[in-house]
PDB file of N, CA and C in Angstrom:
ATOM      1  N   UNK A   1     -74.420   8.388  70.667  1.00  0.00           N
ATOM      2  CA  UNK A   1     -74.800   7.144  70.041  1.00  0.00           C
ATOM      3  C   UNK A   1     -76.192   6.779  70.544  1.00  0.00           C
ATOM      4  N   UNK A   2     -76.988   6.240  69.673  1.00  0.00           N
ATOM      5  CA  UNK A   2     -78.332   5.827  70.040  1.00  0.00           C
ATOM      6  C   UNK A   2     -78.502   4.331  69.886  1.00  0.00           C
ATOM      7  N   UNK A   3     -79.169   3.735  70.873  1.00  0.00           N
ATOM      8  CA  UNK A   3     -79.411   2.298  70.867  1.00  0.00           C
ATOM      9  C   UNK A   3     -80.912   2.076  71.055  1.00  0.00           C
ATOM     10  N   UNK A   4     -81.667   1.957  69.969  1.00  0.00           N
ATOM     11  CA  UNK A   4     -83.108   1.770  70.083  1.00  0.00           C
ATOM     12  C   UNK A   4     -83.459   0.455  70.783  1.00  0.00           C
ATOM     13  N   UNK A   5     -84.588   0.476  71.464  1.00  0.00           N
ATOM     14  CA  UNK A   5     -85.115  -0.765  72.036  1.00  0.00           C
ATOM     15  C   UNK A   5     -86.630  -0.662  72.071  1.00  0.00           C
ATOM     16  N   UNK A   6     -87.268  -1.781  72.145  1.00  0.00           N
ATOM     17  CA  UNK A   6     -88.719  -1.835  72.162  1.00  0.00           C
ATOM     18  C   UNK A   6     -89.227  -2.328  73.514  1.00  0.00           C
ATOM     19  N   UNK A   7     -88.410  -2.136  74.547  1.00  0.00           N
ATOM     20  CA  UNK A   7     -88.733  -2.651  75.877  1.00  0.00           C
ATOM     21  C   UNK A   7     -89.738  -1.791  76.636  1.00  0.00           C
ATOM     22  N   UNK A   8     -90.019  -0.600  76.166  1.00  0.00           N
ATOM     23  CA  UNK A   8     -90.817   0.344  76.934  1.00  0.00           C
ATOM     24  C   UNK A   8     -92.072   0.732  76.169  1.00  0.00           C
ATOM     25  N   UNK A   9     -93.155   0.058  76.469  1.00  0.00           N
ATOM     26  CA  UNK A   9     -94.442   0.396  75.867  1.00  0.00           C
ATOM     27  C   UNK A   9     -94.528   0.146  74.376  1.00  0.00           C
ATOM     28  N   UNK A  10     -93.642  -0.676  73.833  1.00  0.00           N
ATOM     29  CA  UNK A  10     -93.681  -0.981  72.409  1.00  0.00           C
ATOM     30  C   UNK A  10     -93.494   0.251  71.538  1.00  0.00           C
ATOM     31  N   UNK A  11     -92.681   1.212  71.994  1.00  0.00           N
ATOM     32  CA  UNK A  11     -92.519   2.471  71.266  1.00  0.00           C
ATOM     33  C   UNK A  11     -91.629   2.371  70.027  1.00  0.00           C
ATOM     34  N   UNK A  12     -90.860   1.328  69.901  1.00  0.00           N
ATOM     35  CA  UNK A  12     -89.974   1.206  68.740  1.00  0.00           C
ATOM     36  C   UNK A  12     -90.100  -0.181  68.106  1.00  0.00           C
ATOM     37  N   UNK A  13     -91.294  -0.482  67.557  1.00  0.00           N
ATOM     38  CA  UNK A  13     -91.505  -1.809  66.992  1.00  0.00           C
ATOM     39  C   UNK A  13     -90.919  -1.991  65.598  1.00  0.00           C
ATOM     40  N   UNK A  14     -90.537  -0.895  64.948  1.00  0.00           N
ATOM     41  CA  UNK A  14     -90.091  -0.962  63.561  1.00  0.00           C
ATOM     42  C   UNK A  14     -88.720  -1.579  63.385  1.00  0.00           C
ATOM     43  N   UNK A  15     -88.305  -1.605  62.133  1.00  0.00           N
ATOM     44  CA  UNK A  15     -86.968  -2.092  61.800  1.00  0.00           C
ATOM     45  C   UNK A  15     -85.948  -1.029  62.185  1.00  0.00           C
ATOM     46  N   UNK A  16     -84.679  -1.401  62.185  1.00  0.00           N
ATOM     47  CA  UNK A  16     -83.620  -0.439  62.474  1.00  0.00           C
ATOM     48  C   UNK A  16     -83.680   0.742  61.511  1.00  0.00           C
ATOM     49  N   UNK A  17     -83.949   0.458  60.245  1.00  0.00           N
ATOM     50  CA  UNK A  17     -84.017   1.513  59.239  1.00  0.00           C
ATOM     51  C   UNK A  17     -85.197   2.452  59.501  1.00  0.00           C
ATOM     52  N   UNK A  18     -86.355   1.897  59.858  1.00  0.00           N
ATOM     53  CA  UNK A  18     -87.529   2.716  60.148  1.00  0.00           C
ATOM     54  C   UNK A  18     -87.299   3.598  61.378  1.00  0.00           C
ATOM     55  N   UNK A  19     -86.662   3.037  62.376  1.00  0.00           N
ATOM     56  CA  UNK A  19     -86.381   3.789  63.604  1.00  0.00           C
ATOM     57  C   UNK A  19     -85.426   4.941  63.307  1.00  0.00           C
ATOM     58  N   UNK A  20     -84.386   4.685  62.524  1.00  0.00           N
ATOM     59  CA  UNK A  20     -83.430   5.730  62.160  1.00  0.00           C
ATOM     60  C   UNK A  20     -84.128   6.853  61.400  1.00  0.00           C
ATOM     61  N   UNK A  21     -84.943   6.499  60.414  1.00  0.00           N
ATOM     62  CA  UNK A  21     -85.652   7.502  59.629  1.00  0.00           C
ATOM     63  C   UNK A  21     -86.564   8.346  60.512  1.00  0.00           C
ATOM     64  N   UNK A  22     -87.296   7.700  61.415  1.00  0.00           N
ATOM     65  CA  UNK A  22     -88.182   8.414  62.338  1.00  0.00           C
ATOM     66  C   UNK A  22     -87.387   9.359  63.231  1.00  0.00           C
ATOM     67  N   UNK A  23     -86.289   8.879  63.788  1.00  0.00           N
ATOM     68  CA  UNK A  23     -85.467   9.700  64.686  1.00  0.00           C
ATOM     69  C   UNK A  23     -84.883  10.908  63.957  1.00  0.00           C
ATOM     70  N   UNK A  24     -84.474  10.715  62.726  1.00  0.00           N
ATOM     71  CA  UNK A  24     -83.925  11.828  61.950  1.00  0.00           C
ATOM     72  C   UNK A  24     -85.016  12.834  61.587  1.00  0.00           C
ATOM     73  N   UNK A  25     -86.168  12.341  61.132  1.00  0.00           N
ATOM     74  CA  UNK A  25     -87.257  13.219  60.704  1.00  0.00           C
ATOM     75  C   UNK A  25     -87.915  13.944  61.883  1.00  0.00           C
ATOM     76  N   UNK A  26     -88.169  13.218  62.957  1.00  0.00           N
ATOM     77  CA  UNK A  26     -88.925  13.783  64.088  1.00  0.00           C
ATOM     78  C   UNK A  26     -88.058  14.581  65.047  1.00  0.00           C
ATOM     79  N   UNK A  27     -86.827  14.099  65.292  1.00  0.00           N
ATOM     80  CA  UNK A  27     -85.983  14.716  66.309  1.00  0.00           C
ATOM     81  C   UNK A  27     -84.697  15.331  65.754  1.00  0.00           C
ATOM     82  N   UNK A  28     -84.467  15.219  64.449  1.00  0.00           N
ATOM     83  CA  UNK A  28     -83.262  15.781  63.865  1.00  0.00           C
ATOM     84  C   UNK A  28     -81.992  15.082  64.304  1.00  0.00           C
ATOM     85  N   UNK A  29     -82.096  13.803  64.619  1.00  0.00           N
ATOM     86  CA  UNK A  29     -80.949  13.030  65.096  1.00  0.00           C
ATOM     87  C   UNK A  29     -79.841  13.016  64.047  1.00  0.00           C
ATOM     88  N   UNK A  30     -78.628  13.336  64.492  1.00  0.00           N
ATOM     89  CA  UNK A  30     -77.457  13.293  63.607  1.00  0.00           C
ATOM     90  C   UNK A  30     -76.381  12.355  64.143  1.00  0.00           C
ATOM     91  N   UNK A  31     -76.591  11.822  65.357  1.00  0.00           N
ATOM     92  CA  UNK A  31     -75.602  10.914  65.937  1.00  0.00           C
ATOM     93  C   UNK A  31     -75.800   9.495  65.396  1.00  0.00           C
ATOM     94  N   UNK A  32     -74.803   8.644  65.620  1.00  0.00           N
ATOM     95  CA  UNK A  32     -74.868   7.261  65.152  1.00  0.00           C
ATOM     96  C   UNK A  32     -75.974   6.499  65.869  1.00  0.00           C
ATOM     97  N   UNK A  33     -76.748   5.744  65.093  1.00  0.00           N
ATOM     98  CA  UNK A  33     -77.777   4.874  65.639  1.00  0.00           C
ATOM     99  C   UNK A  33     -77.357   3.435  65.352  1.00  0.00           C
ATOM    100  N   UNK A  34     -77.507   2.599  66.354  1.00  0.00           N
ATOM    101  CA  UNK A  34     -77.104   1.209  66.240  1.00  0.00           C
ATOM    102  C   UNK A  34     -78.324   0.305  66.165  1.00  0.00           C
ATOM    103  N   UNK A  35     -78.099  -0.993  66.091  1.00  0.00           N
ATOM    104  CA  UNK A  35     -79.201  -1.950  66.016  1.00  0.00           C
ATOM    105  C   UNK A  35     -80.009  -1.948  67.297  1.00  0.00           C
ATOM    106  N   UNK A  36     -81.275  -2.265  67.140  1.00  0.00           N
ATOM    107  CA  UNK A  36     -82.176  -2.375  68.284  1.00  0.00           C
ATOM    108  C   UNK A  36     -81.664  -3.466  69.223  1.00  0.00           C
ATOM    109  N   UNK A  37     -81.758  -3.192  70.533  1.00  0.00           N
ATOM    110  CA  UNK A  37     -81.315  -4.161  71.535  1.00  0.00           C
ATOM    111  C   UNK A  37     -82.246  -4.104  72.735  1.00  0.00           C
ATOM    112  N   UNK A  38     -81.962  -4.921  73.746  1.00  0.00           N
ATOM    113  CA  UNK A  38     -82.768  -4.917  74.971  1.00  0.00           C
ATOM    114  C   UNK A  38     -82.002  -4.203  76.075  1.00  0.00           C
ATOM    115  N   UNK A  39     -82.686  -3.259  76.730  1.00  0.00           N
ATOM    116  CA  UNK A  39     -82.094  -2.507  77.836  1.00  0.00           C
ATOM    117  C   UNK A  39     -82.349  -3.177  79.177  1.00  0.00           C
ATOM    118  N   UNK A  40     -83.404  -3.947  79.246  1.00  0.00           N
ATOM    119  CA  UNK A  40     -83.818  -4.559  80.507  1.00  0.00           C
ATOM    120  C   UNK A  40     -84.206  -6.013  80.266  1.00  0.00           C
ATOM    121  N   UNK A  41     -84.396  -6.729  81.366  1.00  0.00           N
ATOM    122  CA  UNK A  41     -84.901  -8.096  81.280  1.00  0.00           C
ATOM    123  C   UNK A  41     -83.825  -9.131  81.020  1.00  0.00           C
ATOM    124  N   UNK A  42     -84.259 -10.376  80.821  1.00  0.00           N
ATOM    125  CA  UNK A  42     -83.311 -11.481  80.673  1.00  0.00           C
ATOM    126  C   UNK A  42     -82.439 -11.387  79.422  1.00  0.00           C
ATOM    127  N   UNK A  43     -82.865 -10.614  78.436  1.00  0.00           N
ATOM    128  CA  UNK A  43     -82.069 -10.450  77.217  1.00  0.00           C
ATOM    129  C   UNK A  43     -81.304  -9.122  77.205  1.00  0.00           C
ATOM    130  N   UNK A  44     -81.135  -8.519  78.381  1.00  0.00           N
ATOM    131  CA  UNK A  44     -80.440  -7.242  78.477  1.00  0.00           C
ATOM    132  C   UNK A  44     -79.072  -7.324  77.809  1.00  0.00           C
ATOM    133  N   UNK A  45     -78.802  -6.367  76.948  1.00  0.00           N
ATOM    134  CA  UNK A  45     -77.524  -6.317  76.244  1.00  0.00           C
ATOM    135  C   UNK A  45     -76.403  -6.042  77.255  1.00  0.00           C
ATOM    136  N   UNK A  46     -75.226  -6.636  77.067  1.00  0.00           N
ATOM    137  CA  UNK A  46     -74.104  -6.406  77.991  1.00  0.00           C
ATOM    138  C   UNK A  46     -73.733  -4.929  78.151  1.00  0.00           C
ATOM    139  N   UNK A  47     -73.944  -4.126  77.106  1.00  0.00           N
ATOM    140  CA  UNK A  47     -73.669  -2.691  77.217  1.00  0.00           C
ATOM    141  C   UNK A  47     -74.511  -2.086  78.337  1.00  0.00           C
ATOM    142  N   UNK A  48     -75.804  -2.397  78.355  1.00  0.00           N
ATOM    143  CA  UNK A  48     -76.676  -1.827  79.374  1.00  0.00           C
ATOM    144  C   UNK A  48     -76.417  -2.425  80.746  1.00  0.00           C
ATOM    145  N   UNK A  49     -76.009  -3.666  80.803  1.00  0.00           N
ATOM    146  CA  UNK A  49     -75.628  -4.248  82.094  1.00  0.00           C
ATOM    147  C   UNK A  49     -74.464  -3.458  82.677  1.00  0.00           C
ATOM    148  N   UNK A  50     -73.503  -3.092  81.836  1.00  0.00           N
ATOM    149  CA  UNK A  50     -72.340  -2.327  82.297  1.00  0.00           C
ATOM    150  C   UNK A  50     -72.729  -0.903  82.662  1.00  0.00           C
ATOM    151  N   UNK A  51     -73.537  -0.267  81.844  1.00  0.00           N
ATOM    152  CA  UNK A  51     -73.934   1.114  82.117  1.00  0.00           C
ATOM    153  C   UNK A  51     -74.663   1.237  83.450  1.00  0.00           C
ATOM    154  N   UNK A  52     -75.653   0.391  83.687  1.00  0.00           N
ATOM    155  CA  UNK A  52     -76.437   0.519  84.926  1.00  0.00           C
ATOM    156  C   UNK A  52     -75.651   0.066  86.150  1.00  0.00           C
ATOM    157  N   UNK A  53     -74.707  -0.845  85.965  1.00  0.00           N
ATOM    158  CA  UNK A  53     -73.933  -1.321  87.123  1.00  0.00           C
ATOM    159  C   UNK A  53     -72.886  -0.310  87.575  1.00  0.00           C
ATOM    160  N   UNK A  54     -72.689   0.758  86.808  1.00  0.00           N
ATOM    161  CA  UNK A  54     -71.706   1.783  87.167  1.00  0.00           C
ATOM    162  C   UNK A  54     -72.192   2.672  88.311  1.00  0.00           C
ATOM    163  N   UNK A  55     -73.457   2.538  88.690  1.00  0.00           N
ATOM    164  CA  UNK A  55     -74.038   3.392  89.719  1.00  0.00           C
ATOM    165  C   UNK A  55     -74.620   2.550  90.843  1.00  0.00           C
ATOM    166  N   UNK A  56     -74.648   3.125  92.035  1.00  0.00           N
ATOM    167  CA  UNK A  56     -75.216   2.453  93.186  1.00  0.00           C
ATOM    168  C   UNK A  56     -76.403   3.269  93.669  1.00  0.00           C
ATOM    169  N   UNK A  57     -77.572   2.671  93.757  1.00  0.00           N
ATOM    170  CA  UNK A  57     -77.864   1.300  93.363  1.00  0.00           C
ATOM    171  C   UNK A  57     -77.923   1.163  91.840  1.00  0.00           C
ATOM    172  N   UNK A  58     -77.670  -0.024  91.379  1.00  0.00           N
ATOM    173  CA  UNK A  58     -77.695  -0.315  89.937  1.00  0.00           C
ATOM    174  C   UNK A  58     -79.141  -0.529  89.509  1.00  0.00           C
ATOM    175  N   UNK A  59     -79.803   0.552  89.125  1.00  0.00           N
ATOM    176  CA  UNK A  59     -81.215   0.488  88.725  1.00  0.00           C
ATOM    177  C   UNK A  59     -81.345   0.314  87.223  1.00  0.00           C
ATOM    178  N   UNK A  60     -82.300  -0.516  86.814  1.00  0.00           N
ATOM    179  CA  UNK A  60     -82.575  -0.688  85.388  1.00  0.00           C
ATOM    180  C   UNK A  60     -82.996   0.633  84.765  1.00  0.00           C
ATOM    181  N   UNK A  61     -82.814   0.718  83.460  1.00  0.00           N
ATOM    182  CA  UNK A  61     -83.329   1.842  82.696  1.00  0.00           C
ATOM    183  C   UNK A  61     -84.841   1.843  82.862  1.00  0.00           C
ATOM    184  N   UNK A  62     -85.411   3.017  83.115  1.00  0.00           N
ATOM    185  CA  UNK A  62     -86.844   3.112  83.376  1.00  0.00           C
ATOM    186  C   UNK A  62     -87.677   3.374  82.123  1.00  0.00           C
ATOM    187  N   UNK A  63     -87.097   4.079  81.141  1.00  0.00           N
ATOM    188  CA  UNK A  63     -87.882   4.461  79.965  1.00  0.00           C
ATOM    189  C   UNK A  63     -86.932   4.838  78.843  1.00  0.00           C
ATOM    190  N   UNK A  64     -87.473   4.884  77.625  1.00  0.00           N
ATOM    191  CA  UNK A  64     -86.680   5.312  76.472  1.00  0.00           C
ATOM    192  C   UNK A  64     -86.064   6.685  76.710  1.00  0.00           C
ATOM    193  N   UNK A  65     -85.004   6.963  76.018  1.00  0.00           N
ATOM    194  CA  UNK A  65     -84.301   8.244  76.028  1.00  0.00           C
ATOM    195  C   UNK A  65     -83.504   8.481  77.304  1.00  0.00           C
ATOM    196  N   UNK A  66     -83.279   7.428  78.096  1.00  0.00           N
ATOM    197  CA  UNK A  66     -82.348   7.583  79.213  1.00  0.00           C
ATOM    198  C   UNK A  66     -80.951   7.679  78.605  1.00  0.00           C
ATOM    199  N   UNK A  67     -80.102   8.485  79.236  1.00  0.00           N
ATOM    200  CA  UNK A  67     -78.790   8.767  78.661  1.00  0.00           C
ATOM    201  C   UNK A  67     -77.682   8.501  79.666  1.00  0.00           C
ATOM    202  N   UNK A  68     -76.521   8.101  79.147  1.00  0.00           N
ATOM    203  CA  UNK A  68     -75.330   7.879  79.963  1.00  0.00           C
ATOM    204  C   UNK A  68     -74.179   8.635  79.331  1.00  0.00           C
ATOM    205  N   UNK A  69     -73.326   9.207  80.166  1.00  0.00           N
ATOM    206  CA  UNK A  69     -72.128   9.890  79.691  1.00  0.00           C
ATOM    207  C   UNK A  69     -70.933   9.010  80.012  1.00  0.00           C
ATOM    208  N   UNK A  70     -70.151   8.715  78.972  1.00  0.00           N
ATOM    209  CA  UNK A  70     -68.963   7.864  79.110  1.00  0.00           C
ATOM    210  C   UNK A  70     -67.757   8.718  78.744  1.00  0.00           C
ATOM    211  N   UNK A  71     -66.731   8.705  79.598  1.00  0.00           N
ATOM    212  CA  UNK A  71     -65.567   9.548  79.307  1.00  0.00           C
ATOM    213  C   UNK A  71     -64.634   8.881  78.298  1.00  0.00           C
ATOM    214  N   UNK A  72     -63.561   9.575  77.957  1.00  0.00           N
ATOM    215  CA  UNK A  72     -62.645   9.097  76.918  1.00  0.00           C
ATOM    216  C   UNK A  72     -61.940   7.800  77.289  1.00  0.00           C
ATOM    217  N   UNK A  73     -61.959   7.444  78.577  1.00  0.00           N
ATOM    218  CA  UNK A  73     -61.336   6.198  79.028  1.00  0.00           C
ATOM    219  C   UNK A  73     -62.335   5.055  79.168  1.00  0.00           C
ATOM    220  N   UNK A  74     -63.592   5.321  78.834  1.00  0.00           N
ATOM    221  CA  UNK A  74     -64.617   4.286  78.907  1.00  0.00           C
ATOM    222  C   UNK A  74     -65.329   4.204  80.241  1.00  0.00           C
ATOM    223  N   UNK A  75     -65.022   5.124  81.165  1.00  0.00           N
ATOM    224  CA  UNK A  75     -65.702   5.133  82.462  1.00  0.00           C
ATOM    225  C   UNK A  75     -67.064   5.809  82.317  1.00  0.00           C
ATOM    226  N   UNK A  76     -68.079   5.207  82.912  1.00  0.00           N
ATOM    227  CA  UNK A  76     -69.422   5.780  82.904  1.00  0.00           C
ATOM    228  C   UNK A  76     -69.451   6.823  84.018  1.00  0.00           C
ATOM    229  N   UNK A  77     -69.608   8.099  83.657  1.00  0.00           N
ATOM    230  CA  UNK A  77     -69.461   9.174  84.632  1.00  0.00           C
ATOM    231  C   UNK A  77     -70.759   9.874  85.009  1.00  0.00           C
ATOM    232  N   UNK A  78     -71.821   9.693  84.224  1.00  0.00           N
ATOM    233  CA  UNK A  78     -73.088  10.332  84.561  1.00  0.00           C
ATOM    234  C   UNK A  78     -74.244   9.574  83.921  1.00  0.00           C
ATOM    235  N   UNK A  79     -75.394   9.754  84.531  1.00  0.00           N
ATOM    236  CA  UNK A  79     -76.617   9.116  84.054  1.00  0.00           C
ATOM    237  C   UNK A  79     -77.729  10.149  84.100  1.00  0.00           C
ATOM    238  N   UNK A  80     -78.546  10.169  83.068  1.00  0.00           N
ATOM    239  CA  UNK A  80     -79.625  11.145  82.965  1.00  0.00           C
ATOM    240  C   UNK A  80     -80.917  10.421  82.621  1.00  0.00           C
ATOM    241  N   UNK A  81     -81.948  10.695  83.358  1.00  0.00           N
ATOM    242  CA  UNK A  81     -83.253  10.089  83.094  1.00  0.00           C
ATOM    243  C   UNK A  81     -83.835  10.667  81.809  1.00  0.00           C
ATOM    244  N   UNK A  82     -84.897  10.089  81.358  1.00  0.00           N
ATOM    245  CA  UNK A  82     -85.512  10.440  80.077  1.00  0.00           C
ATOM    246  C   UNK A  82     -85.856  11.911  79.943  1.00  0.00           C
ATOM    247  N   UNK A  83     -86.261  12.546  81.014  1.00  0.00           N
ATOM    248  CA  UNK A  83     -86.694  13.934  80.957  1.00  0.00           C
ATOM    249  C   UNK A  83     -85.582  14.945  80.770  1.00  0.00           C
ATOM    250  N   UNK A  84     -84.343  14.536  80.916  1.00  0.00           N
ATOM    251  CA  UNK A  84     -83.217  15.456  80.757  1.00  0.00           C
ATOM    252  C   UNK A  84     -82.902  15.581  79.267  1.00  0.00           C
ATOM    253  N   UNK A  85     -82.958  16.813  78.772  1.00  0.00           N
ATOM    254  CA  UNK A  85     -82.695  17.068  77.359  1.00  0.00           C
ATOM    255  C   UNK A  85     -81.193  16.994  77.070  1.00  0.00           C
ATOM    256  N   UNK A  86     -80.812  16.489  75.904  1.00  0.00           N
ATOM    257  CA  UNK A  86     -79.385  16.387  75.566  1.00  0.00           C
ATOM    258  C   UNK A  86     -78.631  17.712  75.646  1.00  0.00           C
ATOM    259  N   UNK A  87     -79.269  18.823  75.383  1.00  0.00           N
ATOM    260  CA  UNK A  87     -78.593  20.115  75.444  1.00  0.00           C
ATOM    261  C   UNK A  87     -78.781  20.846  76.753  1.00  0.00           C
ATOM    262  N   UNK A  88     -79.216  20.138  77.788  1.00  0.00           N
ATOM    263  CA  UNK A  88     -79.487  20.783  79.073  1.00  0.00           C
ATOM    264  C   UNK A  88     -78.197  21.314  79.694  1.00  0.00           C
ATOM    265  N   UNK A  89     -78.345  22.325  80.544  1.00  0.00           N
ATOM    266  CA  UNK A  89     -77.188  22.891  81.239  1.00  0.00           C
ATOM    267  C   UNK A  89     -76.455  21.823  82.046  1.00  0.00           C
ATOM    268  N   UNK A  90     -77.219  20.961  82.710  1.00  0.00           N
ATOM    269  CA  UNK A  90     -76.640  19.893  83.522  1.00  0.00           C
ATOM    270  C   UNK A  90     -75.760  18.974  82.676  1.00  0.00           C
ATOM    271  N   UNK A  91     -76.289  18.528  81.554  1.00  0.00           N
ATOM    272  CA  UNK A  91     -75.542  17.603  80.711  1.00  0.00           C
ATOM    273  C   UNK A  91     -74.328  18.291  80.082  1.00  0.00           C
ATOM    274  N   UNK A  92     -74.510  19.501  79.586  1.00  0.00           N
ATOM    275  CA  UNK A  92     -73.394  20.214  78.973  1.00  0.00           C
ATOM    276  C   UNK A  92     -72.270  20.475  79.970  1.00  0.00           C
ATOM    277  N   UNK A  93     -72.625  20.810  81.205  1.00  0.00           N
ATOM    278  CA  UNK A  93     -71.603  21.018  82.238  1.00  0.00           C
ATOM    279  C   UNK A  93     -70.825  19.729  82.504  1.00  0.00           C
ATOM    280  N   UNK A  94     -71.527  18.607  82.556  1.00  0.00           N
ATOM    281  CA  UNK A  94     -70.863  17.316  82.781  1.00  0.00           C
ATOM    282  C   UNK A  94     -69.953  16.949  81.606  1.00  0.00           C
ATOM    283  N   UNK A  95     -70.392  17.257  80.402  1.00  0.00           N
ATOM    284  CA  UNK A  95     -69.566  16.971  79.214  1.00  0.00           C
ATOM    285  C   UNK A  95     -68.300  17.824  79.249  1.00  0.00           C
ATOM    286  N   UNK A  96     -68.458  19.107  79.566  1.00  0.00           N
ATOM    287  CA  UNK A  96     -67.289  19.999  79.669  1.00  0.00           C
ATOM    288  C   UNK A  96     -66.307  19.487  80.721  1.00  0.00           C
ATOM    289  N   UNK A  97     -66.837  19.053  81.852  1.00  0.00           N
ATOM    290  CA  UNK A  97     -65.994  18.535  82.929  1.00  0.00           C
ATOM    291  C   UNK A  97     -65.253  17.269  82.471  1.00  0.00           C
ATOM    292  N   UNK A  98     -65.958  16.391  81.763  1.00  0.00           N
ATOM    293  CA  UNK A  98     -65.336  15.153  81.279  1.00  0.00           C
ATOM    294  C   UNK A  98     -64.259  15.440  80.240  1.00  0.00           C
ATOM    295  N   UNK A  99     -64.451  16.489  79.459  1.00  0.00           N
ATOM    296  CA  UNK A  99     -63.457  16.841  78.447  1.00  0.00           C
ATOM    297  C   UNK A  99     -62.262  17.571  79.059  1.00  0.00           C
ATOM    298  N   UNK A 100     -62.513  18.217  80.235  1.00  0.00           N
ATOM    299  CA  UNK A 100     -61.512  19.061  80.886  1.00  0.00           C
ATOM    300  C   UNK A 100     -60.265  18.351  81.224  1.00  0.00           C
TER     301      UNK A 100
END
């Protein structure tokens, strides 16, 4: 699932529809994209408050494309910084473990 935000360098100023089209055209995104929200700051969405609080220390999201792995029970089990590719060995191993 993707949750666009414009909190990081104004990288996603467009509408939800424009962001979806860009993500599909540029990155081949096929997963669900939701409405733009805030990942950080006083308007931080409750989803991101929960995601970041699952780890110690509870650090704010640093940049776009940060990823979290949530298991089938809703537990946040892993966090990946922006530089980690979705198909990376690290992420795939964690997904396999969560499915196991």
